[in-house]
Amino acid sequence: MWHLLWNVAGPEPNLGEGLRWMSDEEITRLGRLIASLDPWKHPVRVHNRTGDDPFRDSDWTTYGVPQGPKTPDLAALSRGLLESHHPAKPLLAQETLWSRNTYPLRSLGRDYTDKEIRQNAWVIQMSAAGLVFADNDGNSSTGFTGTLNPADAHPTRHAILRRIWDFMESIPFAGMRPAQDSVSTGYALASAAALLAYLPEGGSIQLRGA
């Protein structure tokens, strides 16, 4: 199946002191083994802990999977994603926008608002990242994401994501790269022919070097 993404380990193997159950050497060995045994060359990666990606520059990883930043602070979200983004590898924002999930939002002490869902989703897309959105009700196996029962879904939140994804489908998104250095404020993507900017609260923008 062409659309599969390989990922070393289900639970994060490198959560940190006292929680690590696989060494970096073993992760690398398994990653290279998986890649070598796959004649179709599916993308391969490892499920990382929250924070810096220790395998960002590894020779066997072909895409990135950051956990987070999980935050309504858009500047911190953008900065964290761009730091995780290898310039030659795609990025999948996996556990980054998980609504109504107890664990990502412990530090916030509440759920995202619909406005924060929308703004987070825009910034993730403007960071040239794929987005895995979750509609939970506690942990990652609960709510609509766990049951796939439409009665458990929050349609307004799915509609927010759908509008953003539909817009990105209407432009040459795949050929664009983050362009934060090109704008005075907001978040930007650019290609050789175009620049797209997102200003969460509106306002004006200046292009640098223009």
N, C-alpha and C. Protein backbone atom coordinates (compact mmCIF):
# COMPACT_ATOMS: atom_id res chain seq x y z
N MET A 1 0.84 -1.19 0.00
CA MET A 1 0.00 0.00 0.00
C MET A 1 0.88 1.24 0.00
N TRP A 2 0.75 2.06 -1.01
CA TRP A 2 1.67 3.18 -1.22
C TRP A 2 1.55 4.26 -0.16
N HIS A 3 0.39 4.37 0.50
CA HIS A 3 0.14 5.50 1.39
C HIS A 3 0.54 5.23 2.84
N LEU A 4 1.20 4.13 3.14
CA LEU A 4 1.59 3.84 4.51
C LEU A 4 2.86 4.60 4.90
N LEU A 5 2.92 5.00 6.17
CA LEU A 5 4.10 5.64 6.74
C LEU A 5 4.65 4.71 7.82
N TRP A 6 5.89 4.26 7.68
CA TRP A 6 6.48 3.40 8.70
C TRP A 6 6.97 4.26 9.87
N ASN A 7 6.80 3.70 11.08
CA ASN A 7 7.18 4.42 12.28
C ASN A 7 7.75 3.42 13.29
N VAL A 8 9.00 3.61 13.71
CA VAL A 8 9.63 2.69 14.66
C VAL A 8 8.99 2.91 16.03
N ALA A 9 8.38 1.86 16.58
CA ALA A 9 7.79 1.86 17.93
C ALA A 9 6.43 2.55 17.94
N GLY A 10 5.53 1.98 18.73
CA GLY A 10 4.23 2.60 18.92
C GLY A 10 4.32 3.62 20.03
N PRO A 11 4.38 3.19 21.30
CA PRO A 11 4.69 4.16 22.35
C PRO A 11 6.09 4.71 22.13
N GLU A 12 6.31 5.93 22.53
CA GLU A 12 7.61 6.57 22.33
C GLU A 12 8.71 5.76 23.04
N PRO A 13 9.73 5.35 22.31
CA PRO A 13 10.79 4.54 22.92
C PRO A 13 11.82 5.37 23.67
N ASN A 14 11.75 6.69 23.55
CA ASN A 14 12.82 7.54 24.11
C ASN A 14 12.25 8.67 24.97
N LEU A 15 11.30 8.33 25.84
CA LEU A 15 10.61 9.36 26.62
C LEU A 15 11.52 10.08 27.62
N GLY A 16 12.61 9.47 28.00
CA GLY A 16 13.50 10.15 28.93
C GLY A 16 13.89 9.27 30.10
N GLU A 17 14.55 9.87 31.06
CA GLU A 17 15.10 9.13 32.20
C GLU A 17 14.00 8.36 32.92
N GLY A 18 14.22 7.04 33.07
CA GLY A 18 13.26 6.20 33.77
C GLY A 18 12.13 5.70 32.90
N LEU A 19 11.94 6.28 31.74
CA LEU A 19 10.85 5.87 30.85
C LEU A 19 11.37 5.34 29.52
N ARG A 20 12.65 5.45 29.30
CA ARG A 20 13.24 4.99 28.04
C ARG A 20 13.26 3.47 28.02
N TRP A 21 12.70 2.87 26.98
CA TRP A 21 12.70 1.40 26.89
C TRP A 21 13.43 0.90 25.66
N MET A 22 14.04 1.82 24.91
CA MET A 22 14.84 1.41 23.76
C MET A 22 15.96 2.44 23.57
N SER A 23 17.17 1.97 23.37
CA SER A 23 18.29 2.89 23.20
C SER A 23 18.26 3.53 21.82
N ASP A 24 18.94 4.66 21.68
CA ASP A 24 19.03 5.31 20.37
C ASP A 24 19.67 4.37 19.35
N GLU A 25 20.64 3.58 19.79
CA GLU A 25 21.31 2.65 18.88
C GLU A 25 20.33 1.59 18.37
N GLU A 26 19.45 1.10 19.25
CA GLU A 26 18.47 0.09 18.84
C GLU A 26 17.42 0.69 17.91
N ILE A 27 17.01 1.92 18.19
CA ILE A 27 16.06 2.61 17.30
C ILE A 27 16.67 2.75 15.91
N THR A 28 17.92 3.18 15.86
CA THR A 28 18.60 3.35 14.58
C THR A 28 18.75 2.03 13.86
N ARG A 29 19.11 0.97 14.60
CA ARG A 29 19.25 -0.35 13.98
C ARG A 29 17.93 -0.80 13.35
N LEU A 30 16.84 -0.65 14.09
CA LEU A 30 15.54 -1.08 13.58
C LEU A 30 15.07 -0.20 12.42
N GLY A 31 15.32 1.10 12.52
CA GLY A 31 14.93 1.98 11.43
C GLY A 31 15.63 1.63 10.13
N ARG A 32 16.92 1.40 10.22
CA ARG A 32 17.68 1.03 9.02
C ARG A 32 17.25 -0.34 8.49
N LEU A 33 16.93 -1.26 9.41
CA LEU A 33 16.47 -2.58 9.00
C LEU A 33 15.13 -2.48 8.26
N ILE A 34 14.19 -1.74 8.83
CA ILE A 34 12.89 -1.55 8.18
C ILE A 34 13.06 -0.95 6.79
N ALA A 35 13.89 0.08 6.68
CA ALA A 35 14.12 0.73 5.39
C ALA A 35 14.75 -0.24 4.39
N SER A 36 15.68 -1.06 4.85
CA SER A 36 16.39 -1.96 3.93
C SER A 36 15.50 -3.09 3.43
N LEU A 37 14.47 -3.46 4.22
CA LEU A 37 13.59 -4.56 3.84
C LEU A 37 12.35 -4.11 3.08
N ASP A 38 12.23 -2.83 2.82
CA ASP A 38 11.04 -2.28 2.16
C ASP A 38 11.36 -1.94 0.70
N PRO A 39 11.00 -2.82 -0.25
CA PRO A 39 11.33 -2.54 -1.66
C PRO A 39 10.57 -1.35 -2.22
N TRP A 40 9.48 -0.92 -1.56
CA TRP A 40 8.68 0.20 -2.06
C TRP A 40 9.12 1.54 -1.49
N LYS A 41 10.07 1.51 -0.55
CA LYS A 41 10.67 2.74 -0.01
C LYS A 41 9.62 3.67 0.61
N HIS A 42 8.78 3.11 1.49
CA HIS A 42 7.84 3.96 2.23
C HIS A 42 8.63 4.90 3.14
N PRO A 43 8.06 6.06 3.46
CA PRO A 43 8.70 6.93 4.45
C PRO A 43 8.82 6.21 5.79
N VAL A 44 9.93 6.45 6.49
CA VAL A 44 10.16 5.78 7.77
C VAL A 44 10.64 6.79 8.79
N ARG A 45 10.25 6.57 10.05
CA ARG A 45 10.44 7.57 11.10
C ARG A 45 10.39 6.87 12.45
N VAL A 46 10.57 7.60 13.54
CA VAL A 46 10.39 7.07 14.89
C VAL A 46 9.45 8.00 15.65
N HIS A 47 8.65 7.43 16.53
CA HIS A 47 7.69 8.17 17.35
C HIS A 47 8.45 8.79 18.52
N ASN A 48 8.60 10.11 18.50
CA ASN A 48 9.45 10.80 19.47
C ASN A 48 8.69 11.34 20.66
N ARG A 49 9.44 11.61 21.71
CA ARG A 49 8.91 12.32 22.87
C ARG A 49 8.64 13.78 22.49
N THR A 50 7.93 14.49 23.38
CA THR A 50 7.73 15.92 23.19
C THR A 50 9.06 16.65 23.29
N GLY A 51 9.26 17.62 22.42
CA GLY A 51 10.49 18.41 22.46
C GLY A 51 11.36 18.17 21.24
N ASP A 52 12.65 18.39 21.40
CA ASP A 52 13.59 18.27 20.29
C ASP A 52 13.55 16.87 19.68
N ASP A 53 13.74 16.82 18.37
CA ASP A 53 13.75 15.55 17.63
C ASP A 53 15.19 15.04 17.55
N PRO A 54 15.54 14.01 18.33
CA PRO A 54 16.93 13.54 18.32
C PRO A 54 17.32 12.85 17.01
N PHE A 55 16.34 12.51 16.16
CA PHE A 55 16.64 11.79 14.93
C PHE A 55 16.38 12.66 13.69
N ARG A 56 16.27 13.96 13.89
CA ARG A 56 15.98 14.88 12.79
C ARG A 56 16.95 14.72 11.64
N ASP A 57 18.23 14.61 11.94
CA ASP A 57 19.27 14.58 10.90
C ASP A 57 19.81 13.18 10.63
N SER A 58 19.12 12.16 11.12
CA SER A 58 19.59 10.78 10.91
C SER A 58 19.52 10.40 9.44
N ASP A 59 20.44 9.54 9.01
CA ASP A 59 20.49 9.18 7.60
C ASP A 59 19.38 8.22 7.19
N TRP A 60 18.68 7.59 8.16
CA TRP A 60 17.66 6.61 7.82
C TRP A 60 16.24 7.17 7.90
N THR A 61 16.05 8.32 8.56
CA THR A 61 14.71 8.90 8.64
C THR A 61 14.41 9.68 7.37
N THR A 62 13.17 9.54 6.90
CA THR A 62 12.79 10.26 5.67
C THR A 62 11.67 11.27 5.90
N TYR A 63 11.11 11.31 7.11
CA TYR A 63 10.18 12.38 7.48
C TYR A 63 10.24 12.58 8.98
N GLY A 64 9.72 13.70 9.46
CA GLY A 64 9.78 14.01 10.88
C GLY A 64 8.43 13.86 11.54
N VAL A 65 8.44 13.46 12.82
CA VAL A 65 7.20 13.32 13.61
C VAL A 65 7.41 13.99 14.97
N PRO A 66 7.16 15.29 15.06
CA PRO A 66 7.27 15.92 16.38
C PRO A 66 6.01 15.70 17.21
N GLN A 67 6.17 15.60 18.53
CA GLN A 67 5.05 15.67 19.45
C GLN A 67 5.03 17.08 19.99
N GLY A 68 4.18 17.89 19.42
CA GLY A 68 4.11 19.27 19.89
C GLY A 68 4.91 20.19 18.99
N PRO A 69 5.03 21.44 19.44
CA PRO A 69 4.57 21.96 20.72
C PRO A 69 3.04 21.94 20.84
N LYS A 70 2.54 21.59 22.02
CA LYS A 70 1.10 21.57 22.28
C LYS A 70 0.77 22.85 23.03
N THR A 71 0.37 23.86 22.32
CA THR A 71 0.23 25.18 22.94
C THR A 71 -0.64 26.09 22.09
N PRO A 72 -1.40 27.00 22.72
CA PRO A 72 -2.09 28.03 21.95
C PRO A 72 -1.19 29.22 21.63
N ASP A 73 0.06 29.20 22.11
CA ASP A 73 1.04 30.25 21.80
C ASP A 73 1.54 30.02 20.38
N LEU A 74 1.06 30.80 19.44
CA LEU A 74 1.34 30.54 18.03
C LEU A 74 2.81 30.73 17.68
N ALA A 75 3.46 31.70 18.30
CA ALA A 75 4.88 31.90 18.04
C ALA A 75 5.69 30.70 18.49
N ALA A 76 5.37 30.17 19.68
CA ALA A 76 6.07 28.98 20.18
C ALA A 76 5.77 27.76 19.32
N LEU A 77 4.54 27.65 18.85
CA LEU A 77 4.16 26.55 17.97
C LEU A 77 4.96 26.60 16.68
N SER A 78 4.99 27.76 16.05
CA SER A 78 5.73 27.91 14.79
C SER A 78 7.21 27.64 14.99
N ARG A 79 7.78 28.20 16.03
CA ARG A 79 9.22 28.04 16.29
C ARG A 79 9.57 26.57 16.50
N GLY A 80 8.76 25.87 17.30
CA GLY A 80 9.03 24.46 17.57
C GLY A 80 8.94 23.60 16.32
N LEU A 81 7.92 23.84 15.49
CA LEU A 81 7.77 23.06 14.27
C LEU A 81 8.91 23.33 13.30
N LEU A 82 9.28 24.59 13.14
CA LEU A 82 10.35 24.91 12.19
C LEU A 82 11.69 24.35 12.67
N GLU A 83 11.91 24.31 13.97
CA GLU A 83 13.15 23.72 14.49
C GLU A 83 13.19 22.22 14.23
N SER A 84 12.01 21.57 14.20
CA SER A 84 11.95 20.13 13.95
C SER A 84 12.00 19.80 12.47
N HIS A 85 11.85 20.79 11.62
CA HIS A 85 11.65 20.56 10.19
C HIS A 85 13.00 20.50 9.47
N HIS A 86 13.43 19.29 9.12
CA HIS A 86 14.62 19.14 8.29
C HIS A 86 14.31 19.73 6.91
N PRO A 87 15.18 20.55 6.35
CA PRO A 87 14.87 21.21 5.08
C PRO A 87 14.62 20.27 3.91
N ALA A 88 15.08 19.02 4.01
CA ALA A 88 14.92 18.09 2.89
C ALA A 88 13.94 16.95 3.19
N LYS A 89 13.22 17.06 4.34
CA LYS A 89 12.31 15.98 4.73
C LYS A 89 10.93 16.55 5.07
N PRO A 90 9.85 15.85 4.71
CA PRO A 90 8.52 16.29 5.13
C PRO A 90 8.36 16.20 6.64
N LEU A 91 7.37 16.94 7.15
CA LEU A 91 7.10 16.95 8.58
C LEU A 91 5.64 16.61 8.83
N LEU A 92 5.37 15.68 9.75
CA LEU A 92 4.02 15.30 10.14
C LEU A 92 3.79 15.74 11.58
N ALA A 93 2.91 16.72 11.78
CA ALA A 93 2.58 17.20 13.12
C ALA A 93 1.59 16.22 13.74
N GLN A 94 2.11 15.21 14.40
CA GLN A 94 1.29 14.10 14.85
C GLN A 94 0.54 14.46 16.13
N GLU A 95 1.19 14.45 17.28
CA GLU A 95 0.53 14.78 18.54
C GLU A 95 0.74 16.27 18.83
N THR A 96 0.17 17.10 17.99
CA THR A 96 0.40 18.53 18.08
C THR A 96 -0.91 19.30 18.27
N LEU A 97 -1.98 18.86 17.65
CA LEU A 97 -3.29 19.51 17.81
C LEU A 97 -4.32 18.43 18.14
N TRP A 98 -4.31 18.03 19.40
CA TRP A 98 -5.22 16.98 19.88
C TRP A 98 -6.22 17.64 20.82
N SER A 99 -7.42 17.92 20.32
CA SER A 99 -8.42 18.60 21.14
C SER A 99 -9.04 17.66 22.16
N ARG A 100 -9.40 18.21 23.31
CA ARG A 100 -10.06 17.50 24.40
C ARG A 100 -9.26 16.27 24.84
N ASN A 101 -7.93 16.37 24.75
CA ASN A 101 -7.06 15.29 25.20
C ASN A 101 -6.39 15.72 26.50
N THR A 102 -6.53 14.92 27.54
CA THR A 102 -6.05 15.29 28.87
C THR A 102 -4.56 15.57 28.90
N TYR A 103 -3.77 14.75 28.22
CA TYR A 103 -2.32 14.80 28.40
C TYR A 103 -1.65 15.98 27.70
N PRO A 104 -1.96 16.26 26.44
CA PRO A 104 -1.31 17.42 25.83
C PRO A 104 -1.65 18.73 26.49
N LEU A 105 -2.78 18.81 27.19
CA LEU A 105 -3.26 20.10 27.68
C LEU A 105 -3.12 20.25 29.19
N ARG A 106 -2.33 19.39 29.81
CA ARG A 106 -2.16 19.50 31.26
C ARG A 106 -1.60 20.85 31.66
N SER A 107 -0.61 21.34 30.91
CA SER A 107 0.01 22.61 31.27
C SER A 107 -0.93 23.78 31.07
N LEU A 108 -1.86 23.65 30.11
CA LEU A 108 -2.81 24.72 29.84
C LEU A 108 -3.95 24.71 30.84
N GLY A 109 -4.33 23.53 31.30
CA GLY A 109 -5.39 23.42 32.28
C GLY A 109 -6.79 23.53 31.71
N ARG A 110 -6.91 23.48 30.39
CA ARG A 110 -8.21 23.57 29.73
C ARG A 110 -8.07 23.08 28.30
N ASP A 111 -9.19 22.99 27.61
CA ASP A 111 -9.17 22.58 26.21
C ASP A 111 -8.91 23.80 25.33
N TYR A 112 -8.54 23.54 24.07
CA TYR A 112 -8.46 24.61 23.09
C TYR A 112 -9.85 25.20 22.84
N THR A 113 -9.92 26.49 22.56
CA THR A 113 -11.14 27.07 22.03
C THR A 113 -11.20 26.81 20.52
N ASP A 114 -12.36 27.01 19.92
CA ASP A 114 -12.46 26.84 18.47
C ASP A 114 -11.53 27.80 17.74
N LYS A 115 -11.40 29.01 18.26
CA LYS A 115 -10.48 29.98 17.65
C LYS A 115 -9.05 29.47 17.70
N GLU A 116 -8.65 28.90 18.83
CA GLU A 116 -7.29 28.37 18.95
C GLU A 116 -7.09 27.17 18.05
N ILE A 117 -8.12 26.34 17.88
CA ILE A 117 -8.03 25.22 16.93
C ILE A 117 -7.74 25.76 15.54
N ARG A 118 -8.51 26.77 15.13
CA ARG A 118 -8.33 27.35 13.79
C ARG A 118 -6.95 27.96 13.63
N GLN A 119 -6.52 28.76 14.60
CA GLN A 119 -5.23 29.43 14.48
C GLN A 119 -4.08 28.43 14.53
N ASN A 120 -4.16 27.44 15.41
CA ASN A 120 -3.13 26.39 15.45
C ASN A 120 -3.04 25.66 14.12
N ALA A 121 -4.19 25.31 13.56
CA ALA A 121 -4.19 24.57 12.29
C ALA A 121 -3.56 25.40 11.18
N TRP A 122 -3.86 26.69 11.15
CA TRP A 122 -3.24 27.55 10.13
C TRP A 122 -1.72 27.60 10.30
N VAL A 123 -1.26 27.78 11.52
CA VAL A 123 0.19 27.90 11.75
C VAL A 123 0.89 26.58 11.43
N ILE A 124 0.26 25.46 11.74
CA ILE A 124 0.84 24.16 11.39
C ILE A 124 0.98 24.04 9.87
N GLN A 125 -0.06 24.43 9.14
CA GLN A 125 0.01 24.38 7.68
C GLN A 125 1.04 25.37 7.14
N MET A 126 1.13 26.55 7.75
CA MET A 126 2.10 27.54 7.30
C MET A 126 3.53 27.14 7.66
N SER A 127 3.67 26.12 8.47
CA SER A 127 4.99 25.55 8.78
C SER A 127 5.32 24.40 7.83
N ALA A 128 4.51 24.26 6.77
CA ALA A 128 4.69 23.19 5.77
C ALA A 128 4.66 21.81 6.41
N ALA A 129 3.74 21.63 7.35
CA ALA A 129 3.62 20.35 8.05
C ALA A 129 2.27 19.72 7.74
N GLY A 130 2.25 18.39 7.66
CA GLY A 130 1.00 17.67 7.63
C GLY A 130 0.42 17.64 9.03
N LEU A 131 -0.89 17.59 9.14
CA LEU A 131 -1.55 17.69 10.44
C LEU A 131 -2.38 16.45 10.74
N VAL A 132 -2.15 15.87 11.92
CA VAL A 132 -3.00 14.80 12.44
C VAL A 132 -3.87 15.42 13.53
N PHE A 133 -5.15 15.64 13.23
CA PHE A 133 -6.06 16.25 14.19
C PHE A 133 -6.77 15.17 15.00
N ALA A 134 -6.93 15.40 16.30
CA ALA A 134 -7.62 14.44 17.16
C ALA A 134 -8.82 15.08 17.82
N ASP A 135 -9.90 14.33 17.88
CA ASP A 135 -11.14 14.74 18.54
C ASP A 135 -11.38 13.72 19.66
N ASN A 136 -10.77 13.99 20.83
CA ASN A 136 -10.78 13.04 21.94
C ASN A 136 -11.78 13.43 23.03
N ASP A 137 -11.81 12.61 24.05
CA ASP A 137 -12.61 12.90 25.24
C ASP A 137 -11.90 12.30 26.44
N GLY A 138 -10.64 12.70 26.62
CA GLY A 138 -9.80 12.15 27.70
C GLY A 138 -8.45 11.75 27.15
N ASN A 139 -8.25 10.44 26.90
CA ASN A 139 -6.97 10.00 26.34
C ASN A 139 -7.09 9.81 24.83
N SER A 140 -6.04 9.31 24.21
CA SER A 140 -5.99 9.25 22.75
C SER A 140 -6.87 8.18 22.14
N SER A 141 -7.47 7.31 22.97
CA SER A 141 -8.36 6.27 22.46
C SER A 141 -9.83 6.58 22.69
N THR A 142 -10.12 7.78 23.14
CA THR A 142 -11.49 8.15 23.47
C THR A 142 -12.04 9.15 22.46
N GLY A 143 -13.33 9.45 22.58
CA GLY A 143 -13.96 10.41 21.69
C GLY A 143 -14.06 9.87 20.28
N PHE A 144 -14.35 10.75 19.34
CA PHE A 144 -14.55 10.34 17.96
C PHE A 144 -13.30 9.68 17.38
N THR A 145 -12.12 10.16 17.74
CA THR A 145 -10.88 9.58 17.22
C THR A 145 -10.76 8.12 17.65
N GLY A 146 -11.27 7.78 18.83
CA GLY A 146 -11.20 6.41 19.30
C GLY A 146 -12.33 5.53 18.79
N THR A 147 -13.54 6.08 18.69
CA THR A 147 -14.70 5.26 18.35
C THR A 147 -15.09 5.32 16.88
N LEU A 148 -14.78 6.45 16.22
CA LEU A 148 -15.24 6.73 14.85
C LEU A 148 -16.77 6.74 14.75
N ASN A 149 -17.42 6.95 15.88
CA ASN A 149 -18.87 7.08 15.92
C ASN A 149 -19.22 8.55 15.69
N PRO A 150 -19.97 8.87 14.64
CA PRO A 150 -20.29 10.28 14.36
C PRO A 150 -20.95 10.99 15.54
N ALA A 151 -21.64 10.24 16.39
CA ALA A 151 -22.28 10.87 17.54
C ALA A 151 -21.26 11.43 18.54
N ASP A 152 -20.02 10.93 18.48
CA ASP A 152 -18.98 11.39 19.40
C ASP A 152 -18.16 12.55 18.82
N ALA A 153 -18.43 12.93 17.60
CA ALA A 153 -17.64 13.97 16.94
C ALA A 153 -18.10 15.37 17.33
N HIS A 154 -17.21 16.32 17.17
CA HIS A 154 -17.54 17.74 17.34
C HIS A 154 -17.46 18.38 15.95
N PRO A 155 -18.59 18.41 15.23
CA PRO A 155 -18.58 18.80 13.81
C PRO A 155 -18.00 20.18 13.55
N THR A 156 -18.19 21.13 14.46
CA THR A 156 -17.67 22.47 14.20
C THR A 156 -16.15 22.46 14.09
N ARG A 157 -15.51 21.62 14.88
CA ARG A 157 -14.04 21.56 14.84
C ARG A 157 -13.55 20.87 13.57
N HIS A 158 -14.24 19.84 13.17
CA HIS A 158 -13.86 19.18 11.92
C HIS A 158 -14.10 20.13 10.73
N ALA A 159 -15.13 20.94 10.82
CA ALA A 159 -15.41 21.90 9.74
C ALA A 159 -14.31 22.95 9.65
N ILE A 160 -13.76 23.37 10.79
CA ILE A 160 -12.65 24.33 10.78
C ILE A 160 -11.47 23.76 10.01
N LEU A 161 -11.11 22.50 10.34
CA LEU A 161 -9.98 21.87 9.65
C LEU A 161 -10.27 21.67 8.18
N ARG A 162 -11.50 21.28 7.86
CA ARG A 162 -11.84 21.02 6.46
C ARG A 162 -11.71 22.27 5.61
N ARG A 163 -12.12 23.43 6.14
CA ARG A 163 -12.00 24.67 5.37
C ARG A 163 -10.54 25.00 5.07
N ILE A 164 -9.69 24.80 6.07
CA ILE A 164 -8.27 25.08 5.88
C ILE A 164 -7.66 24.11 4.88
N TRP A 165 -7.96 22.82 5.03
CA TRP A 165 -7.42 21.82 4.11
C TRP A 165 -7.91 22.06 2.69
N ASP A 166 -9.18 22.42 2.54
CA ASP A 166 -9.72 22.68 1.20
C ASP A 166 -9.00 23.85 0.55
N PHE A 167 -8.68 24.87 1.35
CA PHE A 167 -7.94 26.00 0.79
C PHE A 167 -6.55 25.56 0.35
N MET A 168 -5.86 24.80 1.21
CA MET A 168 -4.51 24.35 0.86
C MET A 168 -4.52 23.46 -0.38
N GLU A 169 -5.61 22.72 -0.58
CA GLU A 169 -5.74 21.89 -1.78
C GLU A 169 -5.88 22.75 -3.03
N SER A 170 -6.33 23.98 -2.87
CA SER A 170 -6.59 24.85 -4.02
C SER A 170 -5.35 25.61 -4.49
N ILE A 171 -4.25 25.50 -3.74
CA ILE A 171 -3.01 26.19 -4.10
C ILE A 171 -1.90 25.15 -4.25
N PRO A 172 -0.77 25.53 -4.85
CA PRO A 172 0.35 24.58 -5.00
C PRO A 172 1.13 24.41 -3.69
N PHE A 173 0.43 23.94 -2.65
CA PHE A 173 1.00 23.82 -1.31
C PHE A 173 2.25 22.97 -1.28
N ALA A 174 2.26 21.87 -2.04
CA ALA A 174 3.38 20.94 -1.99
C ALA A 174 4.69 21.56 -2.48
N GLY A 175 4.60 22.64 -3.26
CA GLY A 175 5.80 23.28 -3.76
C GLY A 175 6.25 24.47 -2.94
N MET A 176 5.64 24.67 -1.75
CA MET A 176 5.96 25.85 -0.94
C MET A 176 6.75 25.45 0.30
N ARG A 177 7.54 26.40 0.78
CA ARG A 177 8.37 26.18 1.96
C ARG A 177 8.14 27.31 2.96
N PRO A 178 8.39 27.06 4.26
CA PRO A 178 8.26 28.14 5.24
C PRO A 178 9.14 29.32 4.87
N ALA A 179 8.61 30.52 5.08
CA ALA A 179 9.34 31.73 4.67
C ALA A 179 9.23 32.80 5.74
N GLN A 180 9.50 32.45 6.99
CA GLN A 180 9.37 33.39 8.09
C GLN A 180 10.29 34.59 7.95
N ASP A 181 11.45 34.39 7.35
CA ASP A 181 12.40 35.49 7.21
C ASP A 181 11.96 36.52 6.18
N SER A 182 10.90 36.19 5.42
CA SER A 182 10.45 37.09 4.35
C SER A 182 9.39 38.08 4.79
N VAL A 183 8.86 37.93 6.02
CA VAL A 183 7.76 38.79 6.46
C VAL A 183 8.07 39.41 7.82
N SER A 184 7.50 40.58 8.03
CA SER A 184 7.75 41.31 9.28
C SER A 184 6.92 40.77 10.43
N THR A 185 5.81 40.13 10.12
CA THR A 185 4.93 39.57 11.14
C THR A 185 4.11 38.45 10.52
N GLY A 186 3.45 37.68 11.34
CA GLY A 186 2.64 36.59 10.82
C GLY A 186 3.47 35.38 10.45
N TYR A 187 2.90 34.54 9.58
CA TYR A 187 3.51 33.26 9.22
C TYR A 187 3.39 33.12 7.71
N ALA A 188 4.44 32.61 7.07
CA ALA A 188 4.48 32.66 5.61
C ALA A 188 5.00 31.38 4.98
N LEU A 189 4.46 31.10 3.80
CA LEU A 189 4.95 30.05 2.91
C LEU A 189 5.29 30.71 1.59
N ALA A 190 6.30 30.17 0.90
CA ALA A 190 6.68 30.78 -0.38
C ALA A 190 7.18 29.72 -1.34
N SER A 191 6.99 30.01 -2.61
CA SER A 191 7.59 29.23 -3.70
C SER A 191 8.33 30.22 -4.57
N ALA A 192 8.87 29.75 -5.68
CA ALA A 192 9.56 30.66 -6.59
C ALA A 192 8.61 31.68 -7.18
N ALA A 193 7.32 31.37 -7.21
CA ALA A 193 6.37 32.24 -7.90
C ALA A 193 5.40 32.96 -6.99
N ALA A 194 5.32 32.57 -5.72
CA ALA A 194 4.27 33.14 -4.87
C ALA A 194 4.68 33.14 -3.41
N LEU A 195 4.02 34.01 -2.64
CA LEU A 195 4.19 34.05 -1.19
C LEU A 195 2.81 34.13 -0.56
N LEU A 196 2.55 33.27 0.43
CA LEU A 196 1.29 33.24 1.16
C LEU A 196 1.58 33.59 2.61
N ALA A 197 0.85 34.57 3.14
CA ALA A 197 1.05 34.99 4.53
C ALA A 197 -0.24 34.84 5.31
N TYR A 198 -0.10 34.47 6.58
CA TYR A 198 -1.24 34.34 7.49
C TYR A 198 -1.00 35.24 8.69
N LEU A 199 -1.93 36.16 8.94
CA LEU A 199 -1.89 37.05 10.09
C LEU A 199 -3.06 36.68 11.00
N PRO A 200 -2.81 36.04 12.12
CA PRO A 200 -3.90 35.53 12.97
C PRO A 200 -4.92 36.58 13.38
N GLU A 201 -4.47 37.79 13.61
CA GLU A 201 -5.38 38.84 14.05
C GLU A 201 -5.53 39.94 13.00
N GLY A 202 -5.15 39.66 11.77
CA GLY A 202 -5.24 40.67 10.71
C GLY A 202 -4.15 41.71 10.83
N GLY A 203 -4.31 42.84 10.17
CA GLY A 203 -3.32 43.90 10.21
C GLY A 203 -2.54 44.01 8.92
N SER A 204 -1.41 44.65 8.98
CA SER A 204 -0.58 44.87 7.80
C SER A 204 0.72 44.09 7.94
N ILE A 205 1.40 43.95 6.83
CA ILE A 205 2.62 43.16 6.79
C ILE A 205 3.62 43.82 5.83
N GLN A 206 4.88 43.69 6.14
CA GLN A 206 5.94 44.19 5.25
C GLN A 206 6.78 43.01 4.79
N LEU A 207 7.12 43.02 3.51
CA LEU A 207 7.99 41.99 2.98
C LEU A 207 9.43 42.42 3.14
N ARG A 208 10.26 41.55 3.65
CA ARG A 208 11.66 41.87 3.85
C ARG A 208 12.42 41.58 2.57
N GLY A 209 13.32 42.49 2.24
CA GLY A 209 14.13 42.32 1.04
C GLY A 209 13.40 42.69 -0.22
N ALA A 210 12.16 43.20 -0.09
CA ALA A 210 11.38 43.56 -1.29
C ALA A 210 11.62 45.01 -1.65
